[in-house]
Amino acid sequence: MRVVVTGATGNVGTSTLAALSRDPAVTSIVGLARRVPERKAAKTEWAEADVAETDLVPLLRGADAVVHLAWLFQPTHDPIVTWRANALGSARVFRAAAEARVPALVHASSVGAYSPGPKDRPVDESWPTHGRPTAAYSREKAYAERLLDTFEAEHPTCRVVRLRPGFIFKREASVEQRRLFAGPFVPGRLARPGLIPAVPDIPGLRFQALHSADAGEAFRLAVVREVRGAFNLAAEPVVDAAELARLLGARVVKVPATPVRAALAAAWTARLVPASPHLFDLVLRLPIMDTTRARTELAWSPAHTAKEALEELLEGLREAKGGRTPPLAPGTGGPLRIRELLTGVGRRP
């Protein structure tokens, strides 16, 4: 089996390559990335490709499955750039898969594609995926779902799988995630237990997480098993302020959402943090997902708890070691994080 993976050098991409390479049914892998790494990966050949620009059809010909992971989180101050890469880029991947007659397409959707939902009970994969239009990430994930609806109707012989994970963490991706969401002014050493005195208990602050290795395993299973449709992915427990406080050795303080959002909006407007206040709004309204279908039909069971995934994130922030691909490398931000500052903190990719 030959598998093509877009976005192969990122957080989930590197874990997916590792999972696929261990499967004897997978004989070769093509890793597509805008910046090809120097590191070698088992069974993998690298190809430089931008899903928004490159002719993808020749790269997809002969593949037994395509795993679409490529996604641009920044710049939050220029949503046209992320729309072009994520929405239009996904459309180009899907069209190329159809033209190359690839028999299976596995797409990385997200909990962020879901419409606002309950925090006190889990929802299954039938919950609406209209996203939250004000948040670029959610808007683009929801649009990709609509593209897949059309793709499935027009290409019924292609097996389409949509995986909808919660927040995905691993130690090697912590530097990248600090760069993408916290920005250059947040020191990683703050992630040490005892240094943060309090965690705000904000109404709606409950979310699900999983380890990147478990996400990679889910994508492997979606490739090799004859399944179709959508699957929610998350590990236990659901993360709330109390769980975060235990991890950080902090106390919990009840705080209304309004002043926190106002502070974040001011910091984002001043180019102090790259994460927009619209992403904050999204997190507070994400539904809690039921993962029964992934555990039964996909035969997926996470090897790590959500707490363990978060612990790796915190350890990675303190160590600042990152991974061995361009998106994950600690040197990507430049000496003293100068490249992060020069891009305007969420202004340019």
C-alpha atoms as a PDB file:
ATOM      1  CA  MET A   1       0.000   0.000   0.000  1.00  0.00           C
ATOM      2  CA  ARG A   2       1.287   3.434  -1.007  1.00  0.00           C
ATOM      3  CA  VAL A   3       0.120   6.393   1.111  1.00  0.00           C
ATOM      4  CA  VAL A   4       0.536  10.109   0.414  1.00  0.00           C
ATOM      5  CA  VAL A   5       0.437  12.438   3.443  1.00  0.00           C
ATOM      6  CA  THR A   6       0.054  16.209   3.105  1.00  0.00           C
ATOM      7  CA  GLY A   7       1.382  18.324   5.960  1.00  0.00           C
ATOM      8  CA  ALA A   8       3.697  15.460   6.833  1.00  0.00           C
ATOM      9  CA  THR A   9       6.216  17.467   8.883  1.00  0.00           C
ATOM     10  CA  GLY A  10       3.862  18.931  11.502  1.00  0.00           C
ATOM     11  CA  ASN A  11       2.596  17.811  14.880  1.00  0.00           C
ATOM     12  CA  VAL A  12       0.162  15.178  13.593  1.00  0.00           C
ATOM     13  CA  GLY A  13       2.031  14.544  10.348  1.00  0.00           C
ATOM     14  CA  THR A  14       5.184  13.248  12.023  1.00  0.00           C
ATOM     15  CA  SER A  15       3.130  10.973  14.276  1.00  0.00           C
ATOM     16  CA  THR A  16       1.098   9.699  11.325  1.00  0.00           C
ATOM     17  CA  LEU A  17       4.259   8.868   9.373  1.00  0.00           C
ATOM     18  CA  ALA A  18       5.602   6.964  12.377  1.00  0.00           C
ATOM     19  CA  ALA A  19       2.368   4.965  12.743  1.00  0.00           C
ATOM     20  CA  LEU A  20       2.130   4.191   9.022  1.00  0.00           C
ATOM     21  CA  SER A  21       5.777   3.139   8.796  1.00  0.00           C
ATOM     22  CA  ARG A  22       5.223   0.485  11.488  1.00  0.00           C
ATOM     23  CA  ASP A  23       2.344  -1.117   9.572  1.00  0.00           C
ATOM     24  CA  PRO A  24       3.492  -4.009   7.341  1.00  0.00           C
ATOM     25  CA  ALA A  25       0.569  -3.334   4.980  1.00  0.00           C
ATOM     26  CA  VAL A  26       2.064   0.069   4.161  1.00  0.00           C
ATOM     27  CA  THR A  27       4.970  -0.386   1.756  1.00  0.00           C
ATOM     28  CA  SER A  28       5.771   3.231   0.873  1.00  0.00           C
ATOM     29  CA  ILE A  29       4.881   6.737   2.034  1.00  0.00           C
ATOM     30  CA  VAL A  30       5.177  10.087   0.258  1.00  0.00           C
ATOM     31  CA  GLY A  31       5.459  12.976   2.707  1.00  0.00           C
ATOM     32  CA  LEU A  32       4.410  16.324   1.217  1.00  0.00           C
ATOM     33  CA  ALA A  33       5.539  19.552   2.890  1.00  0.00           C
ATOM     34  CA  ARG A  34       6.263  23.160   2.003  1.00  0.00           C
ATOM     35  CA  ARG A  35       9.680  22.779   3.656  1.00  0.00           C
ATOM     36  CA  VAL A  36      11.236  19.354   3.173  1.00  0.00           C
ATOM     37  CA  PRO A  37      13.219  18.178   6.217  1.00  0.00           C
ATOM     38  CA  GLU A  38      16.732  16.789   6.126  1.00  0.00           C
ATOM     39  CA  ARG A  39      15.801  13.909   8.415  1.00  0.00           C
ATOM     40  CA  LYS A  40      14.996  10.517   6.950  1.00  0.00           C
ATOM     41  CA  ALA A  41      11.840   8.633   7.895  1.00  0.00           C
ATOM     42  CA  ALA A  42      11.203   4.923   7.493  1.00  0.00           C
ATOM     43  CA  LYS A  43       9.509   3.927   4.188  1.00  0.00           C
ATOM     44  CA  THR A  44       9.172   7.651   3.373  1.00  0.00           C
ATOM     45  CA  GLU A  45      10.226   9.787   0.448  1.00  0.00           C
ATOM     46  CA  TRP A  46       9.799  13.560   0.732  1.00  0.00           C
ATOM     47  CA  ALA A  47       8.362  15.912  -1.867  1.00  0.00           C
ATOM     48  CA  GLU A  48       8.154  19.693  -1.669  1.00  0.00           C
ATOM     49  CA  ALA A  49       4.566  20.800  -2.218  1.00  0.00           C
ATOM     50  CA  ASP A  50       2.237  23.639  -1.270  1.00  0.00           C
ATOM     51  CA  VAL A  51      -1.387  22.487  -1.415  1.00  0.00           C
ATOM     52  CA  ALA A  52      -2.441  25.997  -2.458  1.00  0.00           C
ATOM     53  CA  GLU A  53      -0.110  26.146  -5.489  1.00  0.00           C
ATOM     54  CA  THR A  54       1.594  22.870  -6.479  1.00  0.00           C
ATOM     55  CA  ASP A  55       0.202  20.571  -9.156  1.00  0.00           C
ATOM     56  CA  LEU A  56      -0.740  17.714  -6.843  1.00  0.00           C
ATOM     57  CA  VAL A  57      -2.063  15.200  -9.377  1.00  0.00           C
ATOM     58  CA  PRO A  58       1.350  13.725 -10.342  1.00  0.00           C
ATOM     59  CA  LEU A  59       2.214  13.346  -6.652  1.00  0.00           C
ATOM     60  CA  LEU A  60      -1.037  11.504  -5.908  1.00  0.00           C
ATOM     61  CA  ARG A  61      -1.038   9.149  -8.903  1.00  0.00           C
ATOM     62  CA  GLY A  62      -0.535   5.544  -7.867  1.00  0.00           C
ATOM     63  CA  ALA A  63      -1.473   6.182  -4.241  1.00  0.00           C
ATOM     64  CA  ASP A  64      -3.803   3.783  -2.442  1.00  0.00           C
ATOM     65  CA  ALA A  65      -4.748   6.466   0.075  1.00  0.00           C
ATOM     66  CA  VAL A  66      -4.250  10.179   0.696  1.00  0.00           C
ATOM     67  CA  VAL A  67      -4.132  11.578   4.221  1.00  0.00           C
ATOM     68  CA  HIS A  68      -4.804  15.324   4.165  1.00  0.00           C
ATOM     69  CA  LEU A  69      -3.245  17.016   7.201  1.00  0.00           C
ATOM     70  CA  ALA A  70      -1.818  20.245   5.716  1.00  0.00           C
ATOM     71  CA  TRP A  71      -3.172  23.277   7.575  1.00  0.00           C
ATOM     72  CA  LEU A  72      -2.053  26.858   8.191  1.00  0.00           C
ATOM     73  CA  PHE A  73      -2.904  28.334  11.624  1.00  0.00           C
ATOM     74  CA  GLN A  74      -1.288  31.722  11.071  1.00  0.00           C
ATOM     75  CA  PRO A  75      -1.510  34.600  10.212  1.00  0.00           C
ATOM     76  CA  THR A  76      -4.610  35.363  12.274  1.00  0.00           C
ATOM     77  CA  HIS A  77      -4.427  39.023  11.202  1.00  0.00           C
ATOM     78  CA  ASP A  78      -4.738  38.079   7.530  1.00  0.00           C
ATOM     79  CA  PRO A  79      -7.489  35.437   7.215  1.00  0.00           C
ATOM     80  CA  ILE A  80      -7.340  35.586   3.415  1.00  0.00           C
ATOM     81  CA  VAL A  81      -3.985  33.785   3.616  1.00  0.00           C
ATOM     82  CA  THR A  82      -5.324  30.980   5.814  1.00  0.00           C
ATOM     83  CA  TRP A  83      -8.496  30.694   3.701  1.00  0.00           C
ATOM     84  CA  ARG A  84      -6.406  30.262   0.578  1.00  0.00           C
ATOM     85  CA  ALA A  85      -4.224  27.588   2.180  1.00  0.00           C
ATOM     86  CA  ASN A  86      -6.877  25.745   4.164  1.00  0.00           C
ATOM     87  CA  ALA A  87     -10.192  26.067   2.340  1.00  0.00           C
ATOM     88  CA  LEU A  88      -8.984  26.421  -1.251  1.00  0.00           C
ATOM     89  CA  GLY A  89      -5.963  24.194  -0.578  1.00  0.00           C
ATOM     90  CA  SER A  90      -8.251  21.429   0.685  1.00  0.00           C
ATOM     91  CA  ALA A  91     -10.415  21.808  -2.428  1.00  0.00           C
ATOM     92  CA  ARG A  92      -7.291  21.347  -4.573  1.00  0.00           C
ATOM     93  CA  VAL A  93      -6.278  18.211  -2.645  1.00  0.00           C
ATOM     94  CA  PHE A  94      -9.739  16.696  -3.053  1.00  0.00           C
ATOM     95  CA  ARG A  95      -9.863  17.495  -6.791  1.00  0.00           C
ATOM     96  CA  ALA A  96      -6.387  16.048  -7.281  1.00  0.00           C
ATOM     97  CA  ALA A  97      -7.392  12.868  -5.435  1.00  0.00           C
ATOM     98  CA  ALA A  98     -10.376  12.507  -7.772  1.00  0.00           C
ATOM     99  CA  GLU A  99      -8.299  13.125 -10.899  1.00  0.00           C
ATOM    100  CA  ALA A 100      -5.590  10.714  -9.751  1.00  0.00           C
ATOM    101  CA  ARG A 101      -8.314   8.132  -8.959  1.00  0.00           C
ATOM    102  CA  VAL A 102      -7.108   7.577  -5.395  1.00  0.00           C
ATOM    103  CA  PRO A 103      -9.395   4.951  -3.798  1.00  0.00           C
ATOM    104  CA  ALA A 104      -9.299   6.350  -0.234  1.00  0.00           C
ATOM    105  CA  LEU A 105      -9.204   9.898   1.164  1.00  0.00           C
ATOM    106  CA  VAL A 106      -8.653  10.511   4.893  1.00  0.00           C
ATOM    107  CA  HIS A 107      -9.191  14.113   5.994  1.00  0.00           C
ATOM    108  CA  ALA A 108      -8.138  15.795   9.234  1.00  0.00           C
ATOM    109  CA  SER A 109     -11.241  17.617  10.340  1.00  0.00           C
ATOM    110  CA  SER A 110     -11.550  18.859  13.923  1.00  0.00           C
ATOM    111  CA  VAL A 111     -13.767  19.395  16.920  1.00  0.00           C
ATOM    112  CA  GLY A 112     -13.545  22.988  15.702  1.00  0.00           C
ATOM    113  CA  ALA A 113     -15.774  22.106  12.740  1.00  0.00           C
ATOM    114  CA  TYR A 114     -18.701  21.491  15.059  1.00  0.00           C
ATOM    115  CA  SER A 115     -21.401  24.045  15.774  1.00  0.00           C
ATOM    116  CA  PRO A 116     -21.523  25.255  19.400  1.00  0.00           C
ATOM    117  CA  GLY A 117     -22.667  22.426  21.632  1.00  0.00           C
ATOM    118  CA  PRO A 118     -23.167  21.196  25.190  1.00  0.00           C
ATOM    119  CA  LYS A 119     -20.437  20.874  27.806  1.00  0.00           C
ATOM    120  CA  ASP A 120     -22.434  18.637  30.159  1.00  0.00           C
ATOM    121  CA  ARG A 121     -23.032  15.708  27.783  1.00  0.00           C
ATOM    122  CA  PRO A 122     -21.166  14.271  24.781  1.00  0.00           C
ATOM    123  CA  VAL A 123     -22.392  14.566  21.200  1.00  0.00           C
ATOM    124  CA  ASP A 124     -21.787  12.044  18.453  1.00  0.00           C
ATOM    125  CA  GLU A 125     -20.726  12.580  14.836  1.00  0.00           C
ATOM    126  CA  SER A 126     -24.219  13.618  13.777  1.00  0.00           C
ATOM    127  CA  TRP A 127     -23.878  16.979  15.566  1.00  0.00           C
ATOM    128  CA  PRO A 128     -23.969  19.839  12.985  1.00  0.00           C
ATOM    129  CA  THR A 129     -20.632  20.893  11.515  1.00  0.00           C
ATOM    130  CA  HIS A 130     -21.343  24.524  10.711  1.00  0.00           C
ATOM    131  CA  GLY A 131     -18.498  25.760  12.902  1.00  0.00           C
ATOM    132  CA  ARG A 132     -18.331  29.231  14.406  1.00  0.00           C
ATOM    133  CA  PRO A 133     -18.174  31.698  11.481  1.00  0.00           C
ATOM    134  CA  THR A 134     -16.286  34.424  13.379  1.00  0.00           C
ATOM    135  CA  ALA A 135     -13.306  32.122  14.031  1.00  0.00           C
ATOM    136  CA  ALA A 136     -11.196  31.550  10.905  1.00  0.00           C
ATOM    137  CA  TYR A 137     -10.040  28.082  12.014  1.00  0.00           C
ATOM    138  CA  SER A 138     -13.609  26.909  12.631  1.00  0.00           C
ATOM    139  CA  ARG A 139     -14.939  28.558   9.476  1.00  0.00           C
ATOM    140  CA  GLU A 140     -12.314  26.831   7.336  1.00  0.00           C
ATOM    141  CA  LYS A 141     -12.770  23.414   8.961  1.00  0.00           C
ATOM    142  CA  ALA A 142     -16.530  23.641   8.428  1.00  0.00           C
ATOM    143  CA  TYR A 143     -16.045  24.635   4.791  1.00  0.00           C
ATOM    144  CA  ALA A 144     -13.793  21.620   4.233  1.00  0.00           C
ATOM    145  CA  GLU A 145     -16.608  19.430   5.590  1.00  0.00           C
ATOM    146  CA  ARG A 146     -18.968  20.876   2.958  1.00  0.00           C
ATOM    147  CA  LEU A 147     -16.363  20.236   0.272  1.00  0.00           C
ATOM    148  CA  LEU A 148     -16.208  16.611   1.393  1.00  0.00           C
ATOM    149  CA  ASP A 149     -20.004  16.351   1.268  1.00  0.00           C
ATOM    150  CA  THR A 150     -19.856  17.284  -2.417  1.00  0.00           C
ATOM    151  CA  PHE A 151     -16.815  15.082  -3.050  1.00  0.00           C
ATOM    152  CA  GLU A 152     -18.555  12.014  -1.590  1.00  0.00           C
ATOM    153  CA  ALA A 153     -21.675  12.628  -3.673  1.00  0.00           C
ATOM    154  CA  GLU A 154     -19.679  13.016  -6.894  1.00  0.00           C
ATOM    155  CA  HIS A 155     -17.159  10.195  -6.229  1.00  0.00           C
ATOM    156  CA  PRO A 156     -19.032   7.401  -4.422  1.00  0.00           C
ATOM    157  CA  THR A 157     -16.351   4.818  -5.210  1.00  0.00           C
ATOM    158  CA  CYS A 158     -13.749   6.729  -3.180  1.00  0.00           C
ATOM    159  CA  ARG A 159     -13.740   5.792   0.498  1.00  0.00           C
ATOM    160  CA  VAL A 160     -13.839   9.038   2.518  1.00  0.00           C
ATOM    161  CA  VAL A 161     -12.975   9.234   6.217  1.00  0.00           C
ATOM    162  CA  ARG A 162     -13.159  12.365   8.373  1.00  0.00           C
ATOM    163  CA  LEU A 163     -11.356  12.329  11.716  1.00  0.00           C
ATOM    164  CA  ARG A 164     -12.446  15.012  14.197  1.00  0.00           C
ATOM    165  CA  PRO A 165      -9.890  15.190  17.015  1.00  0.00           C
ATOM    166  CA  GLY A 166      -9.777  17.412  20.063  1.00  0.00           C
ATOM    167  CA  PHE A 167      -6.619  19.363  20.936  1.00  0.00           C
ATOM    168  CA  ILE A 168      -3.513  17.383  20.005  1.00  0.00           C
ATOM    169  CA  PHE A 169      -0.289  17.594  22.022  1.00  0.00           C
ATOM    170  CA  LYS A 170       3.128  15.968  22.235  1.00  0.00           C
ATOM    171  CA  ARG A 171       6.469  17.034  23.655  1.00  0.00           C
ATOM    172  CA  GLU A 172       8.123  17.581  20.254  1.00  0.00           C
ATOM    173  CA  ALA A 173       5.359  19.935  19.088  1.00  0.00           C
ATOM    174  CA  SER A 174       5.308  22.168  22.171  1.00  0.00           C
ATOM    175  CA  VAL A 175       7.688  24.801  20.756  1.00  0.00           C
ATOM    176  CA  GLU A 176       5.623  25.062  17.588  1.00  0.00           C
ATOM    177  CA  GLN A 177       2.397  25.402  19.565  1.00  0.00           C
ATOM    178  CA  ARG A 178       3.892  28.072  21.822  1.00  0.00           C
ATOM    179  CA  ARG A 179       4.943  29.955  18.670  1.00  0.00           C
ATOM    180  CA  LEU A 180       1.549  29.592  16.959  1.00  0.00           C
ATOM    181  CA  PHE A 181      -0.734  30.367  19.874  1.00  0.00           C
ATOM    182  CA  ALA A 182       1.166  32.070  22.720  1.00  0.00           C
ATOM    183  CA  GLY A 183       3.760  34.046  20.776  1.00  0.00           C
ATOM    184  CA  PRO A 184       7.342  35.180  21.384  1.00  0.00           C
ATOM    185  CA  PHE A 185       6.720  37.022  24.651  1.00  0.00           C
ATOM    186  CA  VAL A 186       5.631  33.975  26.659  1.00  0.00           C
ATOM    187  CA  PRO A 187       8.589  32.205  28.335  1.00  0.00           C
ATOM    188  CA  GLY A 188       8.377  28.424  28.286  1.00  0.00           C
ATOM    189  CA  ARG A 189       9.688  28.181  31.842  1.00  0.00           C
ATOM    190  CA  LEU A 190       6.318  29.491  33.070  1.00  0.00           C
ATOM    191  CA  ALA A 191       4.990  25.986  32.384  1.00  0.00           C
ATOM    192  CA  ARG A 192       6.810  24.744  35.498  1.00  0.00           C
ATOM    193  CA  PRO A 193       4.453  23.742  38.330  1.00  0.00           C
ATOM    194  CA  GLY A 194       4.329  26.371  41.048  1.00  0.00           C
ATOM    195  CA  LEU A 195       5.218  29.379  38.899  1.00  0.00           C
ATOM    196  CA  ILE A 196       1.665  30.138  37.838  1.00  0.00           C
ATOM    197  CA  PRO A 197      -0.294  30.915  41.030  1.00  0.00           C
ATOM    198  CA  ALA A 198      -3.834  30.569  39.690  1.00  0.00           C
ATOM    199  CA  VAL A 199      -5.847  29.131  36.792  1.00  0.00           C
ATOM    200  CA  PRO A 200      -8.996  31.036  35.780  1.00  0.00           C
ATOM    201  CA  ASP A 201     -12.191  29.011  35.997  1.00  0.00           C
ATOM    202  CA  ILE A 202     -14.028  30.552  33.035  1.00  0.00           C
ATOM    203  CA  PRO A 203     -17.582  29.458  32.184  1.00  0.00           C
ATOM    204  CA  GLY A 204     -17.343  27.034  29.266  1.00  0.00           C
ATOM    205  CA  LEU A 205     -13.652  26.209  29.792  1.00  0.00           C
ATOM    206  CA  ARG A 206     -13.945  22.452  29.237  1.00  0.00           C
ATOM    207  CA  PHE A 207     -12.207  20.776  26.311  1.00  0.00           C
ATOM    208  CA  GLN A 208     -10.872  17.438  25.109  1.00  0.00           C
ATOM    209  CA  ALA A 209      -7.307  16.511  24.229  1.00  0.00           C
ATOM    210  CA  LEU A 210      -5.264  13.567  23.015  1.00  0.00           C
ATOM    211  CA  HIS A 211      -1.654  12.659  22.381  1.00  0.00           C
ATOM    212  CA  SER A 212      -0.283  13.152  18.877  1.00  0.00           C
ATOM    213  CA  ALA A 213       0.869   9.513  18.738  1.00  0.00           C
ATOM    214  CA  ASP A 214      -2.720   8.406  19.351  1.00  0.00           C
ATOM    215  CA  ALA A 215      -3.934  10.755  16.615  1.00  0.00           C
ATOM    216  CA  GLY A 216      -1.331   9.259  14.255  1.00  0.00           C
ATOM    217  CA  GLU A 217      -2.558   5.770  15.107  1.00  0.00           C
ATOM    218  CA  ALA A 218      -6.132   6.808  14.298  1.00  0.00           C
ATOM    219  CA  PHE A 219      -5.048   8.053  10.870  1.00  0.00           C
ATOM    220  CA  ARG A 220      -3.215   4.760  10.260  1.00  0.00           C
ATOM    221  CA  LEU A 221      -6.337   2.793  11.140  1.00  0.00           C
ATOM    222  CA  ALA A 222      -8.438   4.992   8.858  1.00  0.00           C
ATOM    223  CA  VAL A 223      -6.043   4.163   6.007  1.00  0.00           C
ATOM    224  CA  VAL A 224      -5.835   0.388   6.448  1.00  0.00           C
ATOM    225  CA  ARG A 225      -9.365  -0.428   7.674  1.00  0.00           C
ATOM    226  CA  GLU A 226     -12.418  -0.432   5.390  1.00  0.00           C
ATOM    227  CA  VAL A 227     -14.276   2.301   7.235  1.00  0.00           C
ATOM    228  CA  ARG A 228     -16.091   5.400   6.034  1.00  0.00           C
ATOM    229  CA  GLY A 229     -17.533   8.528   7.543  1.00  0.00           C
ATOM    230  CA  ALA A 230     -16.700  10.670  10.561  1.00  0.00           C
ATOM    231  CA  PHE A 231     -14.999   9.675  13.799  1.00  0.00           C
ATOM    232  CA  ASN A 232     -14.528  11.751  16.953  1.00  0.00           C
ATOM    233  CA  LEU A 233     -11.143  11.413  18.641  1.00  0.00           C
ATOM    234  CA  ALA A 234     -10.368  12.325  22.251  1.00  0.00           C
ATOM    235  CA  ALA A 235      -8.855  10.823  25.375  1.00  0.00           C
ATOM    236  CA  GLU A 236     -10.101  10.915  28.936  1.00  0.00           C
ATOM    237  CA  PRO A 237     -10.494  12.929  31.075  1.00  0.00           C
ATOM    238  CA  VAL A 238     -12.237  16.040  29.806  1.00  0.00           C
ATOM    239  CA  VAL A 239      -9.941  18.939  30.725  1.00  0.00           C
ATOM    240  CA  ASP A 240     -11.274  21.775  32.867  1.00  0.00           C
ATOM    241  CA  ALA A 241      -9.809  24.483  35.110  1.00  0.00           C
ATOM    242  CA  ALA A 242      -9.440  22.073  38.031  1.00  0.00           C
ATOM    243  CA  GLU A 243      -7.403  19.623  35.916  1.00  0.00           C
ATOM    244  CA  LEU A 244      -5.174  22.425  34.608  1.00  0.00           C
ATOM    245  CA  ALA A 245      -4.663  23.692  38.154  1.00  0.00           C
ATOM    246  CA  ARG A 246      -3.558  20.232  39.315  1.00  0.00           C
ATOM    247  CA  LEU A 247      -1.031  20.029  36.474  1.00  0.00           C
ATOM    248  CA  LEU A 248       0.391  23.467  37.280  1.00  0.00           C
ATOM    249  CA  GLY A 249       0.249  23.234  41.055  1.00  0.00           C
ATOM    250  CA  ALA A 250      -2.025  26.263  41.077  1.00  0.00           C
ATOM    251  CA  ARG A 251      -5.327  27.236  42.644  1.00  0.00           C
ATOM    252  CA  VAL A 252      -8.588  27.788  40.774  1.00  0.00           C
ATOM    253  CA  VAL A 253     -10.105  31.266  40.639  1.00  0.00           C
ATOM    254  CA  LYS A 254     -13.550  31.886  39.154  1.00  0.00           C
ATOM    255  CA  VAL A 255     -13.318  34.562  36.464  1.00  0.00           C
ATOM    256  CA  PRO A 256     -15.998  35.784  34.024  1.00  0.00           C
ATOM    257  CA  ALA A 257     -15.198  35.350  30.359  1.00  0.00           C
ATOM    258  CA  THR A 258     -15.714  39.003  29.364  1.00  0.00           C
ATOM    259  CA  PRO A 259     -12.587  40.577  30.975  1.00  0.00           C
ATOM    260  CA  VAL A 260     -10.399  37.666  29.853  1.00  0.00           C
ATOM    261  CA  ARG A 261     -11.591  38.060  26.285  1.00  0.00           C
ATOM    262  CA  ALA A 262     -11.090  41.821  26.431  1.00  0.00           C
ATOM    263  CA  ALA A 263      -7.496  41.366  27.619  1.00  0.00           C
ATOM    264  CA  LEU A 264      -6.808  38.807  24.890  1.00  0.00           C
ATOM    265  CA  ALA A 265      -8.367  41.058  22.241  1.00  0.00           C
ATOM    266  CA  ALA A 266      -6.172  43.969  23.351  1.00  0.00           C
ATOM    267  CA  ALA A 267      -3.036  41.797  23.289  1.00  0.00           C
ATOM    268  CA  TRP A 268      -3.926  40.404  19.854  1.00  0.00           C
ATOM    269  CA  THR A 269      -4.625  43.877  18.439  1.00  0.00           C
ATOM    270  CA  ALA A 270      -1.289  45.091  19.833  1.00  0.00           C
ATOM    271  CA  ARG A 271       0.499  42.125  18.175  1.00  0.00           C
ATOM    272  CA  LEU A 272       1.555  40.714  21.547  1.00  0.00           C
ATOM    273  CA  VAL A 273      -0.057  37.290  21.027  1.00  0.00           C
ATOM    274  CA  PRO A 274      -0.941  35.465  17.777  1.00  0.00           C
ATOM    275  CA  ALA A 275      -4.088  33.736  19.079  1.00  0.00           C
ATOM    276  CA  SER A 276      -7.177  35.787  18.259  1.00  0.00           C
ATOM    277  CA  PRO A 277     -10.083  36.435  20.647  1.00  0.00           C
ATOM    278  CA  HIS A 278     -12.322  34.607  18.161  1.00  0.00           C
ATOM    279  CA  LEU A 279     -10.376  31.412  18.890  1.00  0.00           C
ATOM    280  CA  PHE A 280     -11.073  31.998  22.607  1.00  0.00           C
ATOM    281  CA  ASP A 281     -14.792  32.294  21.798  1.00  0.00           C
ATOM    282  CA  LEU A 282     -14.618  29.041  19.858  1.00  0.00           C
ATOM    283  CA  VAL A 283     -12.969  27.076  22.682  1.00  0.00           C
ATOM    284  CA  LEU A 284     -15.624  28.135  25.188  1.00  0.00           C
ATOM    285  CA  ARG A 285     -18.400  26.858  22.910  1.00  0.00           C
ATOM    286  CA  LEU A 286     -16.946  23.605  21.571  1.00  0.00           C
ATOM    287  CA  PRO A 287     -19.093  20.561  22.320  1.00  0.00           C
ATOM    288  CA  ILE A 288     -17.823  17.589  24.274  1.00  0.00           C
ATOM    289  CA  MET A 289     -17.488  14.674  21.834  1.00  0.00           C
ATOM    290  CA  ASP A 290     -18.596  11.061  22.177  1.00  0.00           C
ATOM    291  CA  THR A 291     -15.790   8.778  20.900  1.00  0.00           C
ATOM    292  CA  THR A 292     -17.780   5.513  20.913  1.00  0.00           C
ATOM    293  CA  ARG A 293     -17.710   5.115  17.127  1.00  0.00           C
ATOM    294  CA  ALA A 294     -13.920   5.475  16.932  1.00  0.00           C
ATOM    295  CA  ARG A 295     -13.455   2.890  19.662  1.00  0.00           C
ATOM    296  CA  THR A 296     -15.873   0.358  18.174  1.00  0.00           C
ATOM    297  CA  GLU A 297     -15.774   0.701  14.362  1.00  0.00           C
ATOM    298  CA  LEU A 298     -12.250   2.096  13.955  1.00  0.00           C
ATOM    299  CA  ALA A 299     -10.929  -0.104  16.804  1.00  0.00           C
ATOM    300  CA  TRP A 300      -9.071   2.946  18.147  1.00  0.00           C
ATOM    301  CA  SER A 301      -8.114   3.210  21.787  1.00  0.00           C
ATOM    302  CA  PRO A 302      -5.753   5.969  22.983  1.00  0.00           C
ATOM    303  CA  ALA A 303      -2.612   4.781  24.740  1.00  0.00           C
ATOM    304  CA  HIS A 304      -2.259   8.100  26.580  1.00  0.00           C
ATOM    305  CA  THR A 305      -4.669  10.036  28.767  1.00  0.00           C
ATOM    306  CA  ALA A 306      -5.485  13.677  28.083  1.00  0.00           C
ATOM    307  CA  LYS A 307      -3.552  14.516  31.257  1.00  0.00           C
ATOM    308  CA  GLU A 308      -0.441  12.737  29.947  1.00  0.00           C
ATOM    309  CA  ALA A 309      -0.689  14.622  26.642  1.00  0.00           C
ATOM    310  CA  LEU A 310      -0.878  17.935  28.517  1.00  0.00           C
ATOM    311  CA  GLU A 311       2.021  16.934  30.757  1.00  0.00           C
ATOM    312  CA  GLU A 312       4.149  16.364  27.650  1.00  0.00           C
ATOM    313  CA  LEU A 313       3.167  19.797  26.355  1.00  0.00           C
ATOM    314  CA  LEU A 314       4.287  21.429  29.603  1.00  0.00           C
ATOM    315  CA  GLU A 315       7.526  19.430  29.690  1.00  0.00           C
ATOM    316  CA  GLY A 316       8.254  20.389  26.092  1.00  0.00           C
ATOM    317  CA  LEU A 317       7.655  24.070  26.828  1.00  0.00           C
ATOM    318  CA  ARG A 318      10.122  23.944  29.712  1.00  0.00           C
ATOM    319  CA  GLU A 319      12.756  22.053  27.717  1.00  0.00           C
ATOM    320  CA  ALA A 320      12.233  24.009  24.462  1.00  0.00           C
ATOM    321  CA  LYS A 321      13.750  21.164  22.415  1.00  0.00           C
ATOM    322  CA  GLY A 322      11.087  20.680  19.761  1.00  0.00           C
ATOM    323  CA  GLY A 323      11.296  18.177  16.906  1.00  0.00           C
ATOM    324  CA  ARG A 324      13.487  17.533  13.867  1.00  0.00           C
ATOM    325  CA  THR A 325      11.320  18.985  11.086  1.00  0.00           C
ATOM    326  CA  PRO A 326      11.069  22.677  10.105  1.00  0.00           C
ATOM    327  CA  PRO A 327       7.666  23.313  11.755  1.00  0.00           C
ATOM    328  CA  LEU A 328       8.713  21.618  15.005  1.00  0.00           C
ATOM    329  CA  ALA A 329      12.353  22.723  15.245  1.00  0.00           C
ATOM    330  CA  PRO A 330      13.143  25.098  18.127  1.00  0.00           C
ATOM    331  CA  GLY A 331      15.305  27.221  15.811  1.00  0.00           C
ATOM    332  CA  THR A 332      12.427  28.036  13.446  1.00  0.00           C
ATOM    333  CA  GLY A 333      11.605  31.187  15.411  1.00  0.00           C
ATOM    334  CA  GLY A 334      15.169  32.433  14.998  1.00  0.00           C
ATOM    335  CA  PRO A 335      17.701  33.580  17.619  1.00  0.00           C
ATOM    336  CA  LEU A 336      15.865  35.216  20.548  1.00  0.00           C
ATOM    337  CA  ARG A 337      12.656  34.473  18.580  1.00  0.00           C
ATOM    338  CA  ILE A 338      13.501  37.298  16.183  1.00  0.00           C
ATOM    339  CA  ARG A 339      11.654  35.741  13.217  1.00  0.00           C
ATOM    340  CA  GLU A 340       8.471  35.589  15.267  1.00  0.00           C
ATOM    341  CA  LEU A 341       8.791  39.295  16.020  1.00  0.00           C
ATOM    342  CA  LEU A 342       9.582  40.225  12.410  1.00  0.00           C
ATOM    343  CA  THR A 343       6.447  38.475  11.123  1.00  0.00           C
ATOM    344  CA  GLY A 344       4.310  40.719  13.287  1.00  0.00           C
ATOM    345  CA  VAL A 345       3.047  38.031  15.735  1.00  0.00           C
ATOM    346  CA  GLY A 346       0.152  36.605  13.774  1.00  0.00           C
ATOM    347  CA  ARG A 347       0.447  39.063  10.908  1.00  0.00           C
ATOM    348  CA  ARG A 348       2.415  37.046   8.345  1.00  0.00           C
ATOM    349  CA  PRO A 349       3.165  33.309   8.114  1.00  0.00           C
END
